Amino acid sequence: KIIDLFVGYPGSVHDSRVFRNSPLKLSQQKQKCAPYYLLADSG
């Protein structure tokens, strides 16, 4: 089940850049994930 969604960057943009600029990354710094973790691929 999707619990967070971020859409809109052009297709040439790498996953890591999309993440770096996503609201999730910004809120992660404010403990949205703490004390938990997300699983990700090598991108």
ModelCIF file with pLDDT and N, C-alpha, C, O atoms, coordinates in Angstrom:
data_MODEL
#
_entry.id   MODEL 
#
_entity.id                         1 
_entity.type                       polymer 
_entity.pdbx_number_of_molecules   1 
#
_entity_poly.entity_id                      1 
_entity_poly.type                           'polypeptide(L)' 
_entity_poly.nstd_linkage                   no 
_entity_poly.nstd_monomer                   no 
_entity_poly.pdbx_seq_one_letter_code       KIIDLFVGYPGSVHDSRVFRNSPLKLSQQKQKCAPYYLLADSG 
_entity_poly.pdbx_seq_one_letter_code_can   KIIDLFVGYPGSVHDSRVFRNSPLKLSQQKQKCAPYYLLADSG 
_entity_poly.pdbx_strand_id                 A 
#
loop_
_entity_poly_seq.entity_id 
_entity_poly_seq.num 
_entity_poly_seq.mon_id 
_entity_poly_seq.hetero 
1 1  LYS n 
1 2  ILE n 
1 3  ILE n 
1 4  ASP n 
1 5  LEU n 
1 6  PHE n 
1 7  VAL n 
1 8  GLY n 
1 9  TYR n 
1 10 PRO n 
1 11 GLY n 
1 12 SER n 
1 13 VAL n 
1 14 HIS n 
1 15 ASP n 
1 16 SER n 
1 17 ARG n 
1 18 VAL n 
1 19 PHE n 
1 20 ARG n 
1 21 ASN n 
1 22 SER n 
1 23 PRO n 
1 24 LEU n 
1 25 LYS n 
1 26 LEU n 
1 27 SER n 
1 28 GLN n 
1 29 GLN n 
1 30 LYS n 
1 31 GLN n 
1 32 LYS n 
1 33 CYS n 
1 34 ALA n 
1 35 PRO n 
1 36 TYR n 
1 37 TYR n 
1 38 LEU n 
1 39 LEU n 
1 40 ALA n 
1 41 ASP n 
1 42 SER n 
1 43 GLY n 
#
_struct_asym.id          A 
_struct_asym.entity_id   1 
#
loop_
_ma_qa_metric.id 
_ma_qa_metric.mode 
_ma_qa_metric.name 
_ma_qa_metric.software_group_id 
_ma_qa_metric.type 
1 global pLDDT . pLDDT 
2 local  pLDDT . pLDDT 
#
_ma_qa_metric_global.metric_id      1 
_ma_qa_metric_global.metric_value   83.60 
_ma_qa_metric_global.model_id       1 
_ma_qa_metric_global.ordinal_id     1 
#
loop_
_ma_qa_metric_local.label_asym_id 
_ma_qa_metric_local.label_comp_id 
_ma_qa_metric_local.label_seq_id 
_ma_qa_metric_local.metric_id 
_ma_qa_metric_local.metric_value 
_ma_qa_metric_local.model_id 
_ma_qa_metric_local.ordinal_id 
A LYS 1  2 94.00 1 1  
A ILE 2  2 93.00 1 2  
A ILE 3  2 93.00 1 3  
A ASP 4  2 91.00 1 4  
A LEU 5  2 91.00 1 5  
A PHE 6  2 90.00 1 6  
A VAL 7  2 91.00 1 7  
A GLY 8  2 86.00 1 8  
A TYR 9  2 91.00 1 9  
A PRO 10 2 94.00 1 10 
A GLY 11 2 93.00 1 11 
A SER 12 2 93.00 1 12 
A VAL 13 2 92.00 1 13 
A HIS 14 2 89.00 1 14 
A ASP 15 2 87.00 1 15 
A SER 16 2 87.00 1 16 
A ARG 17 2 90.00 1 17 
A VAL 18 2 90.00 1 18 
A PHE 19 2 88.00 1 19 
A ARG 20 2 87.00 1 20 
A ASN 21 2 85.00 1 21 
A SER 22 2 86.00 1 22 
A PRO 23 2 84.00 1 23 
A LEU 24 2 81.00 1 24 
A LYS 25 2 76.00 1 25 
A LEU 26 2 65.00 1 26 
A SER 27 2 66.00 1 27 
A GLN 28 2 58.00 1 28 
A GLN 29 2 50.00 1 29 
A LYS 30 2 50.00 1 30 
A GLN 31 2 59.00 1 31 
A LYS 32 2 66.00 1 32 
A CYS 33 2 70.00 1 33 
A ALA 34 2 74.00 1 34 
A PRO 35 2 84.00 1 35 
A TYR 36 2 88.00 1 36 
A TYR 37 2 91.00 1 37 
A LEU 38 2 93.00 1 38 
A LEU 39 2 95.00 1 39 
A ALA 40 2 94.00 1 40 
A ASP 41 2 92.00 1 41 
A SER 42 2 90.00 1 42 
A GLY 43 2 88.00 1 43 
#
loop_
_atom_site.group_PDB 
_atom_site.id 
_atom_site.type_symbol 
_atom_site.label_atom_id 
_atom_site.label_alt_id 
_atom_site.label_comp_id 
_atom_site.label_asym_id 
_atom_site.label_entity_id 
_atom_site.label_seq_id 
_atom_site.pdbx_PDB_ins_code 
_atom_site.Cartn_x 
_atom_site.Cartn_y 
_atom_site.Cartn_z 
_atom_site.occupancy 
_atom_site.B_iso_or_equiv 
_atom_site.pdbx_formal_charge 
_atom_site.auth_seq_id 
_atom_site.auth_comp_id 
_atom_site.auth_asym_id 
_atom_site.auth_atom_id 
_atom_site.pdbx_PDB_model_num 
ATOM 1   N N  . LYS A 1 1  ? 0.866  -1.185 0.000   1.00 94.00 ? 1  LYS A N  1 
ATOM 2   C CA . LYS A 1 1  ? 0.000  0.000  0.000   1.00 94.00 ? 1  LYS A CA 1 
ATOM 3   C C  . LYS A 1 1  ? 0.898  1.228  0.000   1.00 94.00 ? 1  LYS A C  1 
ATOM 4   O O  . LYS A 1 1  ? 1.835  1.320  0.794   1.00 94.00 ? 1  LYS A O  1 
ATOM 5   N N  . ILE A 1 2  ? 0.614  2.166  -0.886  1.00 93.00 ? 2  ILE A N  1 
ATOM 6   C CA . ILE A 1 2  ? 1.413  3.383  -0.972  1.00 93.00 ? 2  ILE A CA 1 
ATOM 7   C C  . ILE A 1 2  ? 1.119  4.261  0.238   1.00 93.00 ? 2  ILE A C  1 
ATOM 8   O O  . ILE A 1 2  ? -0.032 4.600  0.514   1.00 93.00 ? 2  ILE A O  1 
ATOM 9   N N  . ILE A 1 3  ? 2.196  4.627  0.963   1.00 93.00 ? 3  ILE A N  1 
ATOM 10  C CA . ILE A 1 3  ? 2.061  5.485  2.139   1.00 93.00 ? 3  ILE A CA 1 
ATOM 11  C C  . ILE A 1 3  ? 2.709  6.853  1.925   1.00 93.00 ? 3  ILE A C  1 
ATOM 12  O O  . ILE A 1 3  ? 2.545  7.754  2.747   1.00 93.00 ? 3  ILE A O  1 
ATOM 13  N N  . ASP A 1 4  ? 3.447  7.011  0.819   1.00 91.00 ? 4  ASP A N  1 
ATOM 14  C CA . ASP A 1 4  ? 4.029  8.303  0.474   1.00 91.00 ? 4  ASP A CA 1 
ATOM 15  C C  . ASP A 1 4  ? 4.250  8.314  -1.034  1.00 91.00 ? 4  ASP A C  1 
ATOM 16  O O  . ASP A 1 4  ? 4.668  7.310  -1.612  1.00 91.00 ? 4  ASP A O  1 
ATOM 17  N N  . LEU A 1 5  ? 3.968  9.452  -1.672  1.00 91.00 ? 5  LEU A N  1 
ATOM 18  C CA . LEU A 1 5  ? 4.080  9.551  -3.122  1.00 91.00 ? 5  LEU A CA 1 
ATOM 19  C C  . LEU A 1 5  ? 4.603  10.926 -3.500  1.00 91.00 ? 5  LEU A C  1 
ATOM 20  O O  . LEU A 1 5  ? 4.163  11.943 -2.964  1.00 91.00 ? 5  LEU A O  1 
ATOM 21  N N  . PHE A 1 6  ? 5.551  10.942 -4.432  1.00 90.00 ? 6  PHE A N  1 
ATOM 22  C CA . PHE A 1 6  ? 6.126  12.194 -4.928  1.00 90.00 ? 6  PHE A CA 1 
ATOM 23  C C  . PHE A 1 6  ? 6.297  12.034 -6.429  1.00 90.00 ? 6  PHE A C  1 
ATOM 24  O O  . PHE A 1 6  ? 7.004  11.132 -6.878  1.00 90.00 ? 6  PHE A O  1 
ATOM 25  N N  . VAL A 1 7  ? 5.655  12.903 -7.215  1.00 91.00 ? 7  VAL A N  1 
ATOM 26  C CA . VAL A 1 7  ? 5.634  12.777 -8.667  1.00 91.00 ? 7  VAL A CA 1 
ATOM 27  C C  . VAL A 1 7  ? 5.987  14.115 -9.315  1.00 91.00 ? 7  VAL A C  1 
ATOM 28  O O  . VAL A 1 7  ? 5.633  15.178 -8.805  1.00 91.00 ? 7  VAL A O  1 
ATOM 29  N N  . GLY A 1 8  ? 6.697  14.046 -10.455 1.00 86.00 ? 8  GLY A N  1 
ATOM 30  C CA . GLY A 1 8  ? 6.843  15.242 -11.249 1.00 86.00 ? 8  GLY A CA 1 
ATOM 31  C C  . GLY A 1 8  ? 8.195  15.540 -11.846 1.00 86.00 ? 8  GLY A C  1 
ATOM 32  O O  . GLY A 1 8  ? 8.272  16.319 -12.796 1.00 86.00 ? 8  GLY A O  1 
ATOM 33  N N  . TYR A 1 9  ? 9.270  14.956 -11.335 1.00 91.00 ? 9  TYR A N  1 
ATOM 34  C CA . TYR A 1 9  ? 10.574 15.237 -11.929 1.00 91.00 ? 9  TYR A CA 1 
ATOM 35  C C  . TYR A 1 9  ? 10.663 14.612 -13.314 1.00 91.00 ? 9  TYR A C  1 
ATOM 36  O O  . TYR A 1 9  ? 10.064 13.563 -13.554 1.00 91.00 ? 9  TYR A O  1 
ATOM 37  N N  . PRO A 1 10 ? 11.405 15.240 -14.236 1.00 94.00 ? 10 PRO A N  1 
ATOM 38  C CA . PRO A 1 10 ? 11.577 14.669 -15.576 1.00 94.00 ? 10 PRO A CA 1 
ATOM 39  C C  . PRO A 1 10 ? 12.248 13.299 -15.526 1.00 94.00 ? 10 PRO A C  1 
ATOM 40  O O  . PRO A 1 10 ? 12.986 12.995 -14.589 1.00 94.00 ? 10 PRO A O  1 
ATOM 41  N N  . GLY A 1 11 ? 11.990 12.489 -16.526 1.00 93.00 ? 11 GLY A N  1 
ATOM 42  C CA . GLY A 1 11 ? 12.493 11.121 -16.573 1.00 93.00 ? 11 GLY A CA 1 
ATOM 43  C C  . GLY A 1 11 ? 13.995 10.962 -16.549 1.00 93.00 ? 11 GLY A C  1 
ATOM 44  O O  . GLY A 1 11 ? 14.489 9.909  -16.148 1.00 93.00 ? 11 GLY A O  1 
ATOM 45  N N  . SER A 1 12 ? 14.746 11.978 -16.968 1.00 93.00 ? 12 SER A N  1 
ATOM 46  C CA . SER A 1 12 ? 16.208 11.853 -16.987 1.00 93.00 ? 12 SER A CA 1 
ATOM 47  C C  . SER A 1 12 ? 16.830 12.007 -15.601 1.00 93.00 ? 12 SER A C  1 
ATOM 48  O O  . SER A 1 12 ? 18.024 11.759 -15.431 1.00 93.00 ? 12 SER A O  1 
ATOM 49  N N  . VAL A 1 13 ? 16.041 12.410 -14.616 1.00 92.00 ? 13 VAL A N  1 
ATOM 50  C CA . VAL A 1 13 ? 16.562 12.652 -13.274 1.00 92.00 ? 13 VAL A CA 1 
ATOM 51  C C  . VAL A 1 13 ? 16.732 11.331 -12.529 1.00 92.00 ? 13 VAL A C  1 
ATOM 52  O O  . VAL A 1 13 ? 15.837 10.486 -12.553 1.00 92.00 ? 13 VAL A O  1 
ATOM 53  N N  . HIS A 1 14 ? 17.865 11.149 -11.874 1.00 89.00 ? 14 HIS A N  1 
ATOM 54  C CA . HIS A 1 14 ? 18.173 9.921  -11.138 1.00 89.00 ? 14 HIS A CA 1 
ATOM 55  C C  . HIS A 1 14 ? 17.340 9.832  -9.858  1.00 89.00 ? 14 HIS A C  1 
ATOM 56  O O  . HIS A 1 14 ? 16.973 10.849 -9.271  1.00 89.00 ? 14 HIS A O  1 
ATOM 57  N N  . ASP A 1 15 ? 17.045 8.584  -9.431  1.00 87.00 ? 15 ASP A N  1 
ATOM 58  C CA . ASP A 1 15 ? 16.267 8.348  -8.212  1.00 87.00 ? 15 ASP A CA 1 
ATOM 59  C C  . ASP A 1 15 ? 16.836 9.076  -7.000  1.00 87.00 ? 15 ASP A C  1 
ATOM 60  O O  . ASP A 1 15 ? 16.087 9.607  -6.180  1.00 87.00 ? 15 ASP A O  1 
ATOM 61  N N  . SER A 1 16 ? 18.155 9.099  -6.888  1.00 87.00 ? 16 SER A N  1 
ATOM 62  C CA . SER A 1 16 ? 18.769 9.729  -5.710  1.00 87.00 ? 16 SER A CA 1 
ATOM 63  C C  . SER A 1 16 ? 18.503 11.230 -5.678  1.00 87.00 ? 16 SER A C  1 
ATOM 64  O O  . SER A 1 16 ? 18.337 11.803 -4.601  1.00 87.00 ? 16 SER A O  1 
ATOM 65  N N  . ARG A 1 17 ? 18.463 11.868 -6.830  1.00 90.00 ? 17 ARG A N  1 
ATOM 66  C CA . ARG A 1 17 ? 18.163 13.307 -6.880  1.00 90.00 ? 17 ARG A CA 1 
ATOM 67  C C  . ARG A 1 17 ? 16.697 13.565 -6.568  1.00 90.00 ? 17 ARG A C  1 
ATOM 68  O O  . ARG A 1 17 ? 16.370 14.516 -5.857  1.00 90.00 ? 17 ARG A O  1 
ATOM 69  N N  . VAL A 1 18 ? 15.819 12.731 -7.091  1.00 90.00 ? 18 VAL A N  1 
ATOM 70  C CA . VAL A 1 18 ? 14.396 12.867 -6.780  1.00 90.00 ? 18 VAL A CA 1 
ATOM 71  C C  . VAL A 1 18 ? 14.205 12.760 -5.273  1.00 90.00 ? 18 VAL A C  1 
ATOM 72  O O  . VAL A 1 18 ? 13.504 13.572 -4.670  1.00 90.00 ? 18 VAL A O  1 
ATOM 73  N N  . PHE A 1 19 ? 14.829 11.759 -4.671  1.00 88.00 ? 19 PHE A N  1 
ATOM 74  C CA . PHE A 1 19 ? 14.717 11.571 -3.222  1.00 88.00 ? 19 PHE A CA 1 
ATOM 75  C C  . PHE A 1 19 ? 15.273 12.773 -2.465  1.00 88.00 ? 19 PHE A C  1 
ATOM 76  O O  . PHE A 1 19 ? 14.648 13.273 -1.531  1.00 88.00 ? 19 PHE A O  1 
ATOM 77  N N  . ARG A 1 20 ? 16.441 13.225 -2.873  1.00 87.00 ? 20 ARG A N  1 
ATOM 78  C CA . ARG A 1 20 ? 17.096 14.345 -2.187  1.00 87.00 ? 20 ARG A CA 1 
ATOM 79  C C  . ARG A 1 20 ? 16.217 15.595 -2.166  1.00 87.00 ? 20 ARG A C  1 
ATOM 80  O O  . ARG A 1 20 ? 16.290 16.390 -1.229  1.00 87.00 ? 20 ARG A O  1 
ATOM 81  N N  . ASN A 1 21 ? 15.388 15.769 -3.194  1.00 85.00 ? 21 ASN A N  1 
ATOM 82  C CA . ASN A 1 21 ? 14.535 16.954 -3.300  1.00 85.00 ? 21 ASN A CA 1 
ATOM 83  C C  . ASN A 1 21 ? 13.080 16.687 -2.918  1.00 85.00 ? 21 ASN A C  1 
ATOM 84  O O  . ASN A 1 21 ? 12.230 17.565 -3.069  1.00 85.00 ? 21 ASN A O  1 
ATOM 85  N N  . SER A 1 22 ? 12.793 15.507 -2.436  1.00 86.00 ? 22 SER A N  1 
ATOM 86  C CA . SER A 1 22 ? 11.409 15.154 -2.102  1.00 86.00 ? 22 SER A CA 1 
ATOM 87  C C  . SER A 1 22 ? 11.013 15.663 -0.714  1.00 86.00 ? 22 SER A C  1 
ATOM 88  O O  . SER A 1 22 ? 11.869 15.849 0.151   1.00 86.00 ? 22 SER A O  1 
ATOM 89  N N  . PRO A 1 23 ? 9.727  15.883 -0.509  1.00 84.00 ? 23 PRO A N  1 
ATOM 90  C CA . PRO A 1 23 ? 9.245  16.240 0.833   1.00 84.00 ? 23 PRO A CA 1 
ATOM 91  C C  . PRO A 1 23 ? 9.585  15.166 1.866   1.00 84.00 ? 23 PRO A C  1 
ATOM 92  O O  . PRO A 1 23 ? 9.811  15.484 3.034   1.00 84.00 ? 23 PRO A O  1 
ATOM 93  N N  . LEU A 1 24 ? 9.625  13.901 1.449   1.00 81.00 ? 24 LEU A N  1 
ATOM 94  C CA . LEU A 1 24 ? 9.965  12.820 2.373   1.00 81.00 ? 24 LEU A CA 1 
ATOM 95  C C  . LEU A 1 24 ? 11.368 13.012 2.924   1.00 81.00 ? 24 LEU A C  1 
ATOM 96  O O  . LEU A 1 24 ? 11.575 12.884 4.131   1.00 81.00 ? 24 LEU A O  1 
ATOM 97  N N  . LYS A 1 25 ? 12.328 13.314 2.075   1.00 76.00 ? 25 LYS A N  1 
ATOM 98  C CA . LYS A 1 25 ? 13.709 13.523 2.522   1.00 76.00 ? 25 LYS A CA 1 
ATOM 99  C C  . LYS A 1 25 ? 13.772 14.679 3.512   1.00 76.00 ? 25 LYS A C  1 
ATOM 100 O O  . LYS A 1 25 ? 14.462 14.599 4.529   1.00 76.00 ? 25 LYS A O  1 
ATOM 101 N N  . LEU A 1 26 ? 13.060 15.738 3.213   1.00 65.00 ? 26 LEU A N  1 
ATOM 102 C CA . LEU A 1 26 ? 13.070 16.905 4.096   1.00 65.00 ? 26 LEU A CA 1 
ATOM 103 C C  . LEU A 1 26 ? 12.403 16.571 5.431   1.00 65.00 ? 26 LEU A C  1 
ATOM 104 O O  . LEU A 1 26 ? 12.898 16.961 6.488   1.00 65.00 ? 26 LEU A O  1 
ATOM 105 N N  . SER A 1 27 ? 11.281 15.850 5.383   1.00 66.00 ? 27 SER A N  1 
ATOM 106 C CA . SER A 1 27 ? 10.587 15.508 6.633   1.00 66.00 ? 27 SER A CA 1 
ATOM 107 C C  . SER A 1 27 ? 11.319 14.404 7.383   1.00 66.00 ? 27 SER A C  1 
ATOM 108 O O  . SER A 1 27 ? 11.176 14.277 8.599   1.00 66.00 ? 27 SER A O  1 
ATOM 109 N N  . GLN A 1 28 ? 12.101 13.608 6.663   1.00 58.00 ? 28 GLN A N  1 
ATOM 110 C CA . GLN A 1 28 ? 12.893 12.555 7.303   1.00 58.00 ? 28 GLN A CA 1 
ATOM 111 C C  . GLN A 1 28 ? 13.847 13.190 8.304   1.00 58.00 ? 28 GLN A C  1 
ATOM 112 O O  . GLN A 1 28 ? 14.111 12.634 9.371   1.00 58.00 ? 28 GLN A O  1 
ATOM 113 N N  . GLN A 1 29 ? 14.351 14.344 7.949   1.00 50.00 ? 29 GLN A N  1 
ATOM 114 C CA . GLN A 1 29 ? 15.242 15.053 8.854   1.00 50.00 ? 29 GLN A CA 1 
ATOM 115 C C  . GLN A 1 29 ? 14.493 15.499 10.111  1.00 50.00 ? 29 GLN A C  1 
ATOM 116 O O  . GLN A 1 29 ? 15.101 15.735 11.155  1.00 50.00 ? 29 GLN A O  1 
ATOM 117 N N  . LYS A 1 30 ? 13.177 15.612 9.997   1.00 50.00 ? 30 LYS A N  1 
ATOM 118 C CA . LYS A 1 30 ? 12.360 16.040 11.138  1.00 50.00 ? 30 LYS A CA 1 
ATOM 119 C C  . LYS A 1 30 ? 11.695 14.835 11.799  1.00 50.00 ? 30 LYS A C  1 
ATOM 120 O O  . LYS A 1 30 ? 10.641 14.965 12.422  1.00 50.00 ? 30 LYS A O  1 
ATOM 121 N N  . GLN A 1 31 ? 12.308 13.679 11.663  1.00 59.00 ? 31 GLN A N  1 
ATOM 122 C CA . GLN A 1 31 ? 11.928 12.445 12.349  1.00 59.00 ? 31 GLN A CA 1 
ATOM 123 C C  . GLN A 1 31 ? 10.642 11.805 11.838  1.00 59.00 ? 31 GLN A C  1 
ATOM 124 O O  . GLN A 1 31 ? 9.919  11.186 12.618  1.00 59.00 ? 31 GLN A O  1 
ATOM 125 N N  . LYS A 1 32 ? 10.339 11.937 10.550  1.00 66.00 ? 32 LYS A N  1 
ATOM 126 C CA . LYS A 1 32 ? 9.181  11.233 10.009  1.00 66.00 ? 32 LYS A CA 1 
ATOM 127 C C  . LYS A 1 32 ? 9.421  9.723  10.071  1.00 66.00 ? 32 LYS A C  1 
ATOM 128 O O  . LYS A 1 32 ? 8.495  8.954  10.329  1.00 66.00 ? 32 LYS A O  1 
ATOM 129 N N  . CYS A 1 33 ? 10.648 9.309  9.837   1.00 70.00 ? 33 CYS A N  1 
ATOM 130 C CA . CYS A 1 33 ? 10.974 7.876  9.862   1.00 70.00 ? 33 CYS A CA 1 
ATOM 131 C C  . CYS A 1 33 ? 11.458 7.407  11.229  1.00 70.00 ? 33 CYS A C  1 
ATOM 132 O O  . CYS A 1 33 ? 11.235 6.252  11.593  1.00 70.00 ? 33 CYS A O  1 
ATOM 133 N N  . ALA A 1 34 ? 12.102 8.262  11.979  1.00 74.00 ? 34 ALA A N  1 
ATOM 134 C CA . ALA A 1 34 ? 12.731 7.852  13.250  1.00 74.00 ? 34 ALA A CA 1 
ATOM 135 C C  . ALA A 1 34 ? 11.729 7.185  14.167  1.00 74.00 ? 34 ALA A C  1 
ATOM 136 O O  . ALA A 1 34 ? 10.603 7.669  14.284  1.00 74.00 ? 34 ALA A O  1 
ATOM 137 N N  . PRO A 1 35 ? 12.086 6.108  14.814  1.00 84.00 ? 35 PRO A N  1 
ATOM 138 C CA . PRO A 1 35 ? 13.365 5.401  14.802  1.00 84.00 ? 35 PRO A CA 1 
ATOM 139 C C  . PRO A 1 35 ? 13.394 4.268  13.775  1.00 84.00 ? 35 PRO A C  1 
ATOM 140 O O  . PRO A 1 35 ? 14.160 3.317  13.927  1.00 84.00 ? 35 PRO A O  1 
ATOM 141 N N  . TYR A 1 36 ? 12.579 4.362  12.750  1.00 88.00 ? 36 TYR A N  1 
ATOM 142 C CA . TYR A 1 36 ? 12.438 3.298  11.755  1.00 88.00 ? 36 TYR A CA 1 
ATOM 143 C C  . TYR A 1 36 ? 13.297 3.563  10.525  1.00 88.00 ? 36 TYR A C  1 
ATOM 144 O O  . TYR A 1 36 ? 13.963 4.592  10.413  1.00 88.00 ? 36 TYR A O  1 
ATOM 145 N N  . TYR A 1 37 ? 13.258 2.586  9.591   1.00 91.00 ? 37 TYR A N  1 
ATOM 146 C CA . TYR A 1 37 ? 14.056 2.641  8.376   1.00 91.00 ? 37 TYR A CA 1 
ATOM 147 C C  . TYR A 1 37 ? 13.199 2.321  7.162   1.00 91.00 ? 37 TYR A C  1 
ATOM 148 O O  . TYR A 1 37 ? 12.139 1.703  7.267   1.00 91.00 ? 37 TYR A O  1 
ATOM 149 N N  . LEU A 1 38 ? 13.690 2.761  5.997   1.00 93.00 ? 38 LEU A N  1 
ATOM 150 C CA . LEU A 1 38 ? 13.102 2.394  4.712   1.00 93.00 ? 38 LEU A CA 1 
ATOM 151 C C  . LEU A 1 38 ? 14.098 1.509  3.972   1.00 93.00 ? 38 LEU A C  1 
ATOM 152 O O  . LEU A 1 38 ? 15.309 1.702  4.082   1.00 93.00 ? 38 LEU A O  1 
ATOM 153 N N  . LEU A 1 39 ? 13.590 0.548  3.226   1.00 95.00 ? 39 LEU A N  1 
ATOM 154 C CA . LEU A 1 39 ? 14.433 -0.279 2.366   1.00 95.00 ? 39 LEU A CA 1 
ATOM 155 C C  . LEU A 1 39 ? 14.468 0.353  0.981   1.00 95.00 ? 39 LEU A C  1 
ATOM 156 O O  . LEU A 1 39 ? 13.440 0.803  0.474   1.00 95.00 ? 39 LEU A O  1 
ATOM 157 N N  . ALA A 1 40 ? 15.647 0.389  0.370   1.00 94.00 ? 40 ALA A N  1 
ATOM 158 C CA . ALA A 1 40 ? 15.797 0.992  -0.948  1.00 94.00 ? 40 ALA A CA 1 
ATOM 159 C C  . ALA A 1 40 ? 16.769 0.178  -1.792  1.00 94.00 ? 40 ALA A C  1 
ATOM 160 O O  . ALA A 1 40 ? 17.539 -0.628 -1.269  1.00 94.00 ? 40 ALA A O  1 
ATOM 161 N N  . ASP A 1 41 ? 16.726 0.397  -3.099  1.00 92.00 ? 41 ASP A N  1 
ATOM 162 C CA . ASP A 1 41 ? 17.708 -0.252 -3.968  1.00 92.00 ? 41 ASP A CA 1 
ATOM 163 C C  . ASP A 1 41 ? 18.955 0.623  -4.056  1.00 92.00 ? 41 ASP A C  1 
ATOM 164 O O  . ASP A 1 41 ? 19.052 1.652  -3.388  1.00 92.00 ? 41 ASP A O  1 
ATOM 165 N N  . SER A 1 42 ? 19.896 0.205  -4.881  1.00 90.00 ? 42 SER A N  1 
ATOM 166 C CA . SER A 1 42 ? 21.182 0.907  -4.956  1.00 90.00 ? 42 SER A CA 1 
ATOM 167 C C  . SER A 1 42 ? 21.087 2.262  -5.645  1.00 90.00 ? 42 SER A C  1 
ATOM 168 O O  . SER A 1 42 ? 22.072 2.999  -5.688  1.00 90.00 ? 42 SER A O  1 
ATOM 169 N N  . GLY A 1 43 ? 19.922 2.604  -6.184  1.00 88.00 ? 43 GLY A N  1 
ATOM 170 C CA . GLY A 1 43 ? 19.725 3.924  -6.772  1.00 88.00 ? 43 GLY A CA 1 
ATOM 171 C C  . GLY A 1 43 ? 19.575 5.004  -5.722  1.00 88.00 ? 43 GLY A C  1 
ATOM 172 O O  . GLY A 1 43 ? 19.401 6.175  -6.061  1.00 88.00 ? 43 GLY A O  1 
#
